[in-house]
Amino acid sequence: FAAALLERDPQASAEQLAQAADKAQRA
């Protein structure tokens, strides 16, 4: 998820990357 975000937005912040990765833990 974090890598996909970087693929779309190379300027994504560390917080945004962490939020993207967190989506994998919810369900």
mmCIF file of all heavy atoms, coordinates in Angstrom:
data_MODEL
# 
_entry.id   MODEL 
# 
loop_
_atom_site.group_PDB 
_atom_site.id 
_atom_site.type_symbol 
_atom_site.label_atom_id 
_atom_site.label_alt_id 
_atom_site.label_comp_id 
_atom_site.label_asym_id 
_atom_site.label_entity_id 
_atom_site.label_seq_id 
_atom_site.pdbx_PDB_ins_code 
_atom_site.Cartn_x 
_atom_site.Cartn_y 
_atom_site.Cartn_z 
_atom_site.occupancy 
_atom_site.B_iso_or_equiv 
_atom_site.pdbx_formal_charge 
_atom_site.auth_seq_id 
_atom_site.auth_comp_id 
_atom_site.auth_asym_id 
_atom_site.auth_atom_id 
_atom_site.pdbx_PDB_model_num 
ATOM 1   N N   . PHE A 1 1  ? 0.834   -1.208 0.000  1.00 0.00 ? 1  PHE A N   1 
ATOM 2   C CA  . PHE A 1 1  ? 0.000   0.000  0.000  1.00 0.00 ? 1  PHE A CA  1 
ATOM 3   C C   . PHE A 1 1  ? 0.869   1.259  0.000  1.00 0.00 ? 1  PHE A C   1 
ATOM 4   O O   . PHE A 1 1  ? 0.596   2.222  -0.727 1.00 0.00 ? 1  PHE A O   1 
ATOM 5   C CB  . PHE A 1 1  ? -0.920  0.001  1.221  1.00 0.00 ? 1  PHE A CB  1 
ATOM 6   C CG  . PHE A 1 1  ? -2.139  -0.862 1.084  1.00 0.00 ? 1  PHE A CG  1 
ATOM 7   C CD1 . PHE A 1 1  ? -2.862  -1.241 2.213  1.00 0.00 ? 1  PHE A CD1 1 
ATOM 8   C CD2 . PHE A 1 1  ? -2.583  -1.312 -0.144 1.00 0.00 ? 1  PHE A CD2 1 
ATOM 9   C CE1 . PHE A 1 1  ? -3.998  -2.033 2.109  1.00 0.00 ? 1  PHE A CE1 1 
ATOM 10  C CE2 . PHE A 1 1  ? -3.716  -2.110 -0.273 1.00 0.00 ? 1  PHE A CE2 1 
ATOM 11  C CZ  . PHE A 1 1  ? -4.420  -2.465 0.868  1.00 0.00 ? 1  PHE A CZ  1 
ATOM 12  N N   . ALA A 1 2  ? 1.896   1.266  0.836  1.00 0.00 ? 2  ALA A N   1 
ATOM 13  C CA  . ALA A 1 2  ? 2.777   2.436  0.904  1.00 0.00 ? 2  ALA A CA  1 
ATOM 14  C C   . ALA A 1 2  ? 3.544   2.617  -0.408 1.00 0.00 ? 2  ALA A C   1 
ATOM 15  O O   . ALA A 1 2  ? 3.698   3.746  -0.902 1.00 0.00 ? 2  ALA A O   1 
ATOM 16  C CB  . ALA A 1 2  ? 3.748   2.282  2.077  1.00 0.00 ? 2  ALA A CB  1 
ATOM 17  N N   . ALA A 1 3  ? 4.000   1.507  -0.973 1.00 0.00 ? 3  ALA A N   1 
ATOM 18  C CA  . ALA A 1 3  ? 4.721   1.592  -2.249 1.00 0.00 ? 3  ALA A CA  1 
ATOM 19  C C   . ALA A 1 3  ? 3.809   2.084  -3.362 1.00 0.00 ? 3  ALA A C   1 
ATOM 20  O O   . ALA A 1 3  ? 4.237   2.849  -4.246 1.00 0.00 ? 3  ALA A O   1 
ATOM 21  C CB  . ALA A 1 3  ? 5.303   0.223  -2.606 1.00 0.00 ? 3  ALA A CB  1 
ATOM 22  N N   . ALA A 1 4  ? 2.541   1.672  -3.327 1.00 0.00 ? 4  ALA A N   1 
ATOM 23  C CA  . ALA A 1 4  ? 1.581   2.130  -4.336 1.00 0.00 ? 4  ALA A CA  1 
ATOM 24  C C   . ALA A 1 4  ? 1.359   3.632  -4.211 1.00 0.00 ? 4  ALA A C   1 
ATOM 25  O O   . ALA A 1 4  ? 1.221   4.335  -5.218 1.00 0.00 ? 4  ALA A O   1 
ATOM 26  C CB  . ALA A 1 4  ? 0.265   1.386  -4.184 1.00 0.00 ? 4  ALA A CB  1 
ATOM 27  N N   . LEU A 1 5  ? 1.320   4.134  -2.977 1.00 0.00 ? 5  LEU A N   1 
ATOM 28  C CA  . LEU A 1 5  ? 1.165   5.574  -2.781 1.00 0.00 ? 5  LEU A CA  1 
ATOM 29  C C   . LEU A 1 5  ? 2.375   6.326  -3.325 1.00 0.00 ? 5  LEU A C   1 
ATOM 30  O O   . LEU A 1 5  ? 2.226   7.352  -3.999 1.00 0.00 ? 5  LEU A O   1 
ATOM 31  C CB  . LEU A 1 5  ? 0.973   5.877  -1.295 1.00 0.00 ? 5  LEU A CB  1 
ATOM 32  C CG  . LEU A 1 5  ? 0.904   7.363  -0.918 1.00 0.00 ? 5  LEU A CG  1 
ATOM 33  C CD1 . LEU A 1 5  ? -0.214  8.076  -1.673 1.00 0.00 ? 5  LEU A CD1 1 
ATOM 34  C CD2 . LEU A 1 5  ? 0.721   7.528  0.595  1.00 0.00 ? 5  LEU A CD2 1 
ATOM 35  N N   . LEU A 1 6  ? 3.564   5.809  -3.071 1.00 0.00 ? 6  LEU A N   1 
ATOM 36  C CA  . LEU A 1 6  ? 4.770   6.451  -3.604 1.00 0.00 ? 6  LEU A CA  1 
ATOM 37  C C   . LEU A 1 6  ? 4.789   6.414  -5.122 1.00 0.00 ? 6  LEU A C   1 
ATOM 38  O O   . LEU A 1 6  ? 5.299   7.333  -5.768 1.00 0.00 ? 6  LEU A O   1 
ATOM 39  C CB  . LEU A 1 6  ? 6.018   5.746  -3.064 1.00 0.00 ? 6  LEU A CB  1 
ATOM 40  C CG  . LEU A 1 6  ? 6.540   6.199  -1.703 1.00 0.00 ? 6  LEU A CG  1 
ATOM 41  C CD1 . LEU A 1 6  ? 7.738   5.361  -1.297 1.00 0.00 ? 6  LEU A CD1 1 
ATOM 42  C CD2 . LEU A 1 6  ? 6.899   7.684  -1.714 1.00 0.00 ? 6  LEU A CD2 1 
ATOM 43  N N   . GLU A 1 7  ? 4.229   5.372  -5.692 1.00 0.00 ? 7  GLU A N   1 
ATOM 44  C CA  . GLU A 1 7  ? 4.143   5.253  -7.149 1.00 0.00 ? 7  GLU A CA  1 
ATOM 45  C C   . GLU A 1 7  ? 3.291   6.375  -7.718 1.00 0.00 ? 7  GLU A C   1 
ATOM 46  O O   . GLU A 1 7  ? 3.603   6.928  -8.777 1.00 0.00 ? 7  GLU A O   1 
ATOM 47  C CB  . GLU A 1 7  ? 3.537   3.890  -7.498 1.00 0.00 ? 7  GLU A CB  1 
ATOM 48  C CG  . GLU A 1 7  ? 3.702   3.453  -8.923 1.00 0.00 ? 7  GLU A CG  1 
ATOM 49  C CD  . GLU A 1 7  ? 3.120   2.056  -9.155 1.00 0.00 ? 7  GLU A CD  1 
ATOM 50  O OE1 . GLU A 1 7  ? 1.884   1.899  -9.096 1.00 0.00 ? 7  GLU A OE1 1 
ATOM 51  O OE2 . GLU A 1 7  ? 3.894   1.124  -9.376 1.00 0.00 ? 7  GLU A OE2 1 
ATOM 52  N N   . ARG A 1 8  ? 2.221   6.723  -6.987 1.00 0.00 ? 8  ARG A N   1 
ATOM 53  C CA  . ARG A 1 8  ? 1.327   7.796  -7.436 1.00 0.00 ? 8  ARG A CA  1 
ATOM 54  C C   . ARG A 1 8  ? 1.836   9.179  -7.036 1.00 0.00 ? 8  ARG A C   1 
ATOM 55  O O   . ARG A 1 8  ? 1.616   10.158 -7.754 1.00 0.00 ? 8  ARG A O   1 
ATOM 56  C CB  . ARG A 1 8  ? -0.075  7.606  -6.848 1.00 0.00 ? 8  ARG A CB  1 
ATOM 57  C CG  . ARG A 1 8  ? -0.728  6.292  -7.180 1.00 0.00 ? 8  ARG A CG  1 
ATOM 58  C CD  . ARG A 1 8  ? -2.203  6.280  -6.798 1.00 0.00 ? 8  ARG A CD  1 
ATOM 59  N NE  . ARG A 1 8  ? -2.455  6.651  -5.423 1.00 0.00 ? 8  ARG A NE  1 
ATOM 60  C CZ  . ARG A 1 8  ? -2.457  5.794  -4.403 1.00 0.00 ? 8  ARG A CZ  1 
ATOM 61  N NH1 . ARG A 1 8  ? -2.210  4.510  -4.621 1.00 0.00 ? 8  ARG A NH1 1 
ATOM 62  N NH2 . ARG A 1 8  ? -2.721  6.215  -3.178 1.00 0.00 ? 8  ARG A NH2 1 
ATOM 63  N N   . ASP A 1 9  ? 2.475   9.256  -5.866 1.00 0.00 ? 9  ASP A N   1 
ATOM 64  C CA  . ASP A 1 9  ? 2.902   10.543 -5.319 1.00 0.00 ? 9  ASP A CA  1 
ATOM 65  C C   . ASP A 1 9  ? 4.281   10.402 -4.681 1.00 0.00 ? 9  ASP A C   1 
ATOM 66  O O   . ASP A 1 9  ? 4.398   10.073 -3.497 1.00 0.00 ? 9  ASP A O   1 
ATOM 67  C CB  . ASP A 1 9  ? 1.885   11.030 -4.280 1.00 0.00 ? 9  ASP A CB  1 
ATOM 68  C CG  . ASP A 1 9  ? 2.268   12.365 -3.672 1.00 0.00 ? 9  ASP A CG  1 
ATOM 69  O OD1 . ASP A 1 9  ? 3.201   13.016 -4.189 1.00 0.00 ? 9  ASP A OD1 1 
ATOM 70  O OD2 . ASP A 1 9  ? 1.637   12.766 -2.664 1.00 0.00 ? 9  ASP A OD2 1 
ATOM 71  N N   . PRO A 1 10 ? 5.326   10.630 -5.459 1.00 0.00 ? 10 PRO A N   1 
ATOM 72  C CA  . PRO A 1 10 ? 6.686   10.501 -4.924 1.00 0.00 ? 10 PRO A CA  1 
ATOM 73  C C   . PRO A 1 10 ? 6.974   11.448 -3.761 1.00 0.00 ? 10 PRO A C   1 
ATOM 74  O O   . PRO A 1 10 ? 7.941   11.244 -3.023 1.00 0.00 ? 10 PRO A O   1 
ATOM 75  C CB  . PRO A 1 10 ? 7.575   10.837 -6.137 1.00 0.00 ? 10 PRO A CB  1 
ATOM 76  C CG  . PRO A 1 10 ? 6.711   10.573 -7.324 1.00 0.00 ? 10 PRO A CG  1 
ATOM 77  C CD  . PRO A 1 10 ? 5.329   10.942 -6.899 1.00 0.00 ? 10 PRO A CD  1 
ATOM 78  N N   . GLN A 1 11 ? 6.158   12.477 -3.576 1.00 0.00 ? 11 GLN A N   1 
ATOM 79  C CA  . GLN A 1 11 ? 6.358   13.450 -2.498 1.00 0.00 ? 11 GLN A CA  1 
ATOM 80  C C   . GLN A 1 11 ? 5.548   13.107 -1.247 1.00 0.00 ? 11 GLN A C   1 
ATOM 81  O O   . GLN A 1 11 ? 5.463   13.929 -0.331 1.00 0.00 ? 11 GLN A O   1 
ATOM 82  C CB  . GLN A 1 11 ? 5.971   14.851 -2.991 1.00 0.00 ? 11 GLN A CB  1 
ATOM 83  C CG  . GLN A 1 11 ? 6.668   15.300 -4.258 1.00 0.00 ? 11 GLN A CG  1 
ATOM 84  C CD  . GLN A 1 11 ? 8.183   15.260 -4.112 1.00 0.00 ? 11 GLN A CD  1 
ATOM 85  O OE1 . GLN A 1 11 ? 8.737   15.666 -3.095 1.00 0.00 ? 11 GLN A OE1 1 
ATOM 86  N NE2 . GLN A 1 11 ? 8.863   14.764 -5.145 1.00 0.00 ? 11 GLN A NE2 1 
ATOM 87  N N   . ALA A 1 12 ? 4.943   11.938 -1.190 1.00 0.00 ? 12 ALA A N   1 
ATOM 88  C CA  . ALA A 1 12 ? 4.136   11.559 -0.033 1.00 0.00 ? 12 ALA A CA  1 
ATOM 89  C C   . ALA A 1 12 ? 4.971   11.606 1.240  1.00 0.00 ? 12 ALA A C   1 
ATOM 90  O O   . ALA A 1 12 ? 6.128   11.162 1.263  1.00 0.00 ? 12 ALA A O   1 
ATOM 91  C CB  . ALA A 1 12 ? 3.552   10.167 -0.231 1.00 0.00 ? 12 ALA A CB  1 
ATOM 92  N N   . SER A 1 13 ? 4.386   12.121 2.302  1.00 0.00 ? 13 SER A N   1 
ATOM 93  C CA  . SER A 1 13 ? 5.096   12.257 3.571  1.00 0.00 ? 13 SER A CA  1 
ATOM 94  C C   . SER A 1 13 ? 5.149   10.920 4.313  1.00 0.00 ? 13 SER A C   1 
ATOM 95  O O   . SER A 1 13 ? 4.416   9.977  3.986  1.00 0.00 ? 13 SER A O   1 
ATOM 96  C CB  . SER A 1 13 ? 4.406   13.294 4.451  1.00 0.00 ? 13 SER A CB  1 
ATOM 97  O OG  . SER A 1 13 ? 3.118   12.838 4.849  1.00 0.00 ? 13 SER A OG  1 
ATOM 98  N N   . ALA A 1 14 ? 6.004   10.859 5.331  1.00 0.00 ? 14 ALA A N   1 
ATOM 99  C CA  . ALA A 1 14 ? 6.104   9.646  6.146  1.00 0.00 ? 14 ALA A CA  1 
ATOM 100 C C   . ALA A 1 14 ? 4.775   9.343  6.823  1.00 0.00 ? 14 ALA A C   1 
ATOM 101 O O   . ALA A 1 14 ? 4.387   8.179  6.954  1.00 0.00 ? 14 ALA A O   1 
ATOM 102 C CB  . ALA A 1 14 ? 7.209   9.815  7.183  1.00 0.00 ? 14 ALA A CB  1 
ATOM 103 N N   . GLU A 1 15 ? 4.067   10.390 7.247  1.00 0.00 ? 15 GLU A N   1 
ATOM 104 C CA  . GLU A 1 15 ? 2.763   10.187 7.881  1.00 0.00 ? 15 GLU A CA  1 
ATOM 105 C C   . GLU A 1 15 ? 1.761   9.602  6.898  1.00 0.00 ? 15 GLU A C   1 
ATOM 106 O O   . GLU A 1 15 ? 0.994   8.695  7.243  1.00 0.00 ? 15 GLU A O   1 
ATOM 107 C CB  . GLU A 1 15 ? 2.241   11.513 8.434  1.00 0.00 ? 15 GLU A CB  1 
ATOM 108 C CG  . GLU A 1 15 ? 0.892   11.388 9.130  1.00 0.00 ? 15 GLU A CG  1 
ATOM 109 C CD  . GLU A 1 15 ? 0.383   12.715 9.676  1.00 0.00 ? 15 GLU A CD  1 
ATOM 110 O OE1 . GLU A 1 15 ? 1.079   13.738 9.497  1.00 0.00 ? 15 GLU A OE1 1 
ATOM 111 O OE2 . GLU A 1 15 ? -0.710  12.729 10.268 1.00 0.00 ? 15 GLU A OE2 1 
ATOM 112 N N   . GLN A 1 16 ? 1.753   10.098 5.679  1.00 0.00 ? 16 GLN A N   1 
ATOM 113 C CA  . GLN A 1 16 ? 0.837   9.587  4.667  1.00 0.00 ? 16 GLN A CA  1 
ATOM 114 C C   . GLN A 1 16 ? 1.164   8.134  4.319  1.00 0.00 ? 16 GLN A C   1 
ATOM 115 O O   . GLN A 1 16 ? 0.257   7.312  4.124  1.00 0.00 ? 16 GLN A O   1 
ATOM 116 C CB  . GLN A 1 16 ? 0.909   10.453 3.412  1.00 0.00 ? 16 GLN A CB  1 
ATOM 117 C CG  . GLN A 1 16 ? 0.307   11.842 3.594  1.00 0.00 ? 16 GLN A CG  1 
ATOM 118 C CD  . GLN A 1 16 ? 0.572   12.747 2.409  1.00 0.00 ? 16 GLN A CD  1 
ATOM 119 O OE1 . GLN A 1 16 ? 1.652   12.708 1.802  1.00 0.00 ? 16 GLN A OE1 1 
ATOM 120 N NE2 . GLN A 1 16 ? -0.413  13.568 2.070  1.00 0.00 ? 16 GLN A NE2 1 
ATOM 121 N N   . LEU A 1 17 ? 2.440   7.803  4.270  1.00 0.00 ? 17 LEU A N   1 
ATOM 122 C CA  . LEU A 1 17 ? 2.837   6.423  3.985  1.00 0.00 ? 17 LEU A CA  1 
ATOM 123 C C   . LEU A 1 17 ? 2.414   5.499  5.118  1.00 0.00 ? 17 LEU A C   1 
ATOM 124 O O   . LEU A 1 17 ? 1.960   4.370  4.876  1.00 0.00 ? 17 LEU A O   1 
ATOM 125 C CB  . LEU A 1 17 ? 4.349   6.353  3.764  1.00 0.00 ? 17 LEU A CB  1 
ATOM 126 C CG  . LEU A 1 17 ? 4.875   7.071  2.519  1.00 0.00 ? 17 LEU A CG  1 
ATOM 127 C CD1 . LEU A 1 17 ? 6.401   7.055  2.502  1.00 0.00 ? 17 LEU A CD1 1 
ATOM 128 C CD2 . LEU A 1 17 ? 4.329   6.423  1.254  1.00 0.00 ? 17 LEU A CD2 1 
ATOM 129 N N   . ALA A 1 18 ? 2.548   5.966  6.351  1.00 0.00 ? 18 ALA A N   1 
ATOM 130 C CA  . ALA A 1 18 ? 2.138   5.162  7.504  1.00 0.00 ? 18 ALA A CA  1 
ATOM 131 C C   . ALA A 1 18 ? 0.628   4.943  7.506  1.00 0.00 ? 18 ALA A C   1 
ATOM 132 O O   . ALA A 1 18 ? 0.148   3.854  7.826  1.00 0.00 ? 18 ALA A O   1 
ATOM 133 C CB  . ALA A 1 18 ? 2.581   5.840  8.798  1.00 0.00 ? 18 ALA A CB  1 
ATOM 134 N N   . GLN A 1 19 ? -0.116  5.970  7.127  1.00 0.00 ? 19 GLN A N   1 
ATOM 135 C CA  . GLN A 1 19 ? -1.568  5.842  7.062  1.00 0.00 ? 19 GLN A CA  1 
ATOM 136 C C   . GLN A 1 19 ? -1.974  4.846  5.982  1.00 0.00 ? 19 GLN A C   1 
ATOM 137 O O   . GLN A 1 19 ? -2.911  4.058  6.166  1.00 0.00 ? 19 GLN A O   1 
ATOM 138 C CB  . GLN A 1 19 ? -2.204  7.206  6.788  1.00 0.00 ? 19 GLN A CB  1 
ATOM 139 C CG  . GLN A 1 19 ? -2.115  8.170  7.958  1.00 0.00 ? 19 GLN A CG  1 
ATOM 140 C CD  . GLN A 1 19 ? -2.635  9.558  7.609  1.00 0.00 ? 19 GLN A CD  1 
ATOM 141 O OE1 . GLN A 1 19 ? -2.865  9.876  6.435  1.00 0.00 ? 19 GLN A OE1 1 
ATOM 142 N NE2 . GLN A 1 19 ? -2.820  10.396 8.622  1.00 0.00 ? 19 GLN A NE2 1 
ATOM 143 N N   . ALA A 1 20 ? -1.270  4.881  4.850  1.00 0.00 ? 20 ALA A N   1 
ATOM 144 C CA  . ALA A 1 20 ? -1.560  3.931  3.775  1.00 0.00 ? 20 ALA A CA  1 
ATOM 145 C C   . ALA A 1 20 ? -1.284  2.502  4.241  1.00 0.00 ? 20 ALA A C   1 
ATOM 146 O O   . ALA A 1 20 ? -2.078  1.586  4.005  1.00 0.00 ? 20 ALA A O   1 
ATOM 147 C CB  . ALA A 1 20 ? -0.731  4.266  2.540  1.00 0.00 ? 20 ALA A CB  1 
ATOM 148 N N   . ALA A 1 21 ? -0.169  2.298  4.917  1.00 0.00 ? 21 ALA A N   1 
ATOM 149 C CA  . ALA A 1 21 ? 0.194   0.963  5.390  1.00 0.00 ? 21 ALA A CA  1 
ATOM 150 C C   . ALA A 1 21 ? -0.786  0.460  6.446  1.00 0.00 ? 21 ALA A C   1 
ATOM 151 O O   . ALA A 1 21 ? -1.084  -0.740 6.508  1.00 0.00 ? 21 ALA A O   1 
ATOM 152 C CB  . ALA A 1 21 ? 1.617   0.967  5.946  1.00 0.00 ? 21 ALA A CB  1 
ATOM 153 N N   . ASP A 1 22 ? -1.304  1.372  7.263  1.00 0.00 ? 22 ASP A N   1 
ATOM 154 C CA  . ASP A 1 22 ? -2.214  0.983  8.349  1.00 0.00 ? 22 ASP A CA  1 
ATOM 155 C C   . ASP A 1 22 ? -3.512  0.379  7.828  1.00 0.00 ? 22 ASP A C   1 
ATOM 156 O O   . ASP A 1 22 ? -4.170  -0.394 8.535  1.00 0.00 ? 22 ASP A O   1 
ATOM 157 C CB  . ASP A 1 22 ? -2.524  2.209  9.215  1.00 0.00 ? 22 ASP A CB  1 
ATOM 158 C CG  . ASP A 1 22 ? -3.440  1.869  10.377 1.00 0.00 ? 22 ASP A CG  1 
ATOM 159 O OD1 . ASP A 1 22 ? -3.026  1.073  11.239 1.00 0.00 ? 22 ASP A OD1 1 
ATOM 160 O OD2 . ASP A 1 22 ? -4.574  2.386  10.412 1.00 0.00 ? 22 ASP A OD2 1 
ATOM 161 N N   . LYS A 1 23 ? -3.897  0.700  6.604  1.00 0.00 ? 23 LYS A N   1 
ATOM 162 C CA  . LYS A 1 23 ? -5.148  0.174  6.048  1.00 0.00 ? 23 LYS A CA  1 
ATOM 163 C C   . LYS A 1 23 ? -5.128  -1.349 5.946  1.00 0.00 ? 23 LYS A C   1 
ATOM 164 O O   . LYS A 1 23 ? -6.179  -1.979 5.899  1.00 0.00 ? 23 LYS A O   1 
ATOM 165 C CB  . LYS A 1 23 ? -5.414  0.795  4.670  1.00 0.00 ? 23 LYS A CB  1 
ATOM 166 C CG  . LYS A 1 23 ? -5.695  2.284  4.711  1.00 0.00 ? 23 LYS A CG  1 
ATOM 167 C CD  . LYS A 1 23 ? -5.904  2.847  3.313  1.00 0.00 ? 23 LYS A CD  1 
ATOM 168 C CE  . LYS A 1 23 ? -6.175  4.338  3.363  1.00 0.00 ? 23 LYS A CE  1 
ATOM 169 N NZ  . LYS A 1 23 ? -6.368  4.923  2.006  1.00 0.00 ? 23 LYS A NZ  1 
ATOM 170 N N   . ALA A 1 24 ? -3.938  -1.928 5.923  1.00 0.00 ? 24 ALA A N   1 
ATOM 171 C CA  . ALA A 1 24 ? -3.829  -3.382 5.814  1.00 0.00 ? 24 ALA A CA  1 
ATOM 172 C C   . ALA A 1 24 ? -4.157  -4.086 7.121  1.00 0.00 ? 24 ALA A C   1 
ATOM 173 O O   . ALA A 1 24 ? -4.364  -5.306 7.134  1.00 0.00 ? 24 ALA A O   1 
ATOM 174 C CB  . ALA A 1 24 ? -2.417  -3.760 5.375  1.00 0.00 ? 24 ALA A CB  1 
ATOM 175 N N   . GLN A 1 25 ? -4.218  -3.357 8.220  1.00 0.00 ? 25 GLN A N   1 
ATOM 176 C CA  . GLN A 1 25 ? -4.360  -3.977 9.538  1.00 0.00 ? 25 GLN A CA  1 
ATOM 177 C C   . GLN A 1 25 ? -5.787  -3.957 10.072 1.00 0.00 ? 25 GLN A C   1 
ATOM 178 O O   . GLN A 1 25 ? -6.045  -4.520 11.136 1.00 0.00 ? 25 GLN A O   1 
ATOM 179 C CB  . GLN A 1 25 ? -3.442  -3.246 10.538 1.00 0.00 ? 25 GLN A CB  1 
ATOM 180 C CG  . GLN A 1 25 ? -1.996  -3.136 10.115 1.00 0.00 ? 25 GLN A CG  1 
ATOM 181 C CD  . GLN A 1 25 ? -1.295  -4.476 10.051 1.00 0.00 ? 25 GLN A CD  1 
ATOM 182 O OE1 . GLN A 1 25 ? -1.706  -5.440 10.707 1.00 0.00 ? 25 GLN A OE1 1 
ATOM 183 N NE2 . GLN A 1 25 ? -0.231  -4.561 9.254  1.00 0.00 ? 25 GLN A NE2 1 
ATOM 184 N N   . ARG A 1 26 ? -6.725  -3.347 9.406  1.00 0.00 ? 26 ARG A N   1 
ATOM 185 C CA  . ARG A 1 26 ? -8.007  -3.029 10.033 1.00 0.00 ? 26 ARG A CA  1 
ATOM 186 C C   . ARG A 1 26 ? -8.988  -4.187 10.119 1.00 0.00 ? 26 ARG A C   1 
ATOM 187 O O   . ARG A 1 26 ? -9.522  -4.478 11.178 1.00 0.00 ? 26 ARG A O   1 
ATOM 188 C CB  . ARG A 1 26 ? -8.650  -1.845 9.293  1.00 0.00 ? 26 ARG A CB  1 
ATOM 189 C CG  . ARG A 1 26 ? -7.838  -0.562 9.454  1.00 0.00 ? 26 ARG A CG  1 
ATOM 190 C CD  . ARG A 1 26 ? -8.373  0.548  8.590  1.00 0.00 ? 26 ARG A CD  1 
ATOM 191 N NE  . ARG A 1 26 ? -7.545  1.753  8.694  1.00 0.00 ? 26 ARG A NE  1 
ATOM 192 C CZ  . ARG A 1 26 ? -7.651  2.807  7.905  1.00 0.00 ? 26 ARG A CZ  1 
ATOM 193 N NH1 . ARG A 1 26 ? -8.570  2.811  6.950  1.00 0.00 ? 26 ARG A NH1 1 
ATOM 194 N NH2 . ARG A 1 26 ? -6.858  3.850  8.073  1.00 0.00 ? 26 ARG A NH2 1 
ATOM 195 N N   . ALA A 1 27 ? -9.292  -4.846 9.032  1.00 0.00 ? 27 ALA A N   1 
ATOM 196 C CA  . ALA A 1 27 ? -10.345 -5.864 9.039  1.00 0.00 ? 27 ALA A CA  1 
ATOM 197 C C   . ALA A 1 27 ? -9.841  -7.162 9.672  1.00 0.00 ? 27 ALA A C   1 
ATOM 198 O O   . ALA A 1 27 ? -8.756  -7.637 9.341  1.00 0.00 ? 27 ALA A O   1 
ATOM 199 C CB  . ALA A 1 27 ? -10.835 -6.127 7.632  1.00 0.00 ? 27 ALA A CB  1 
# 
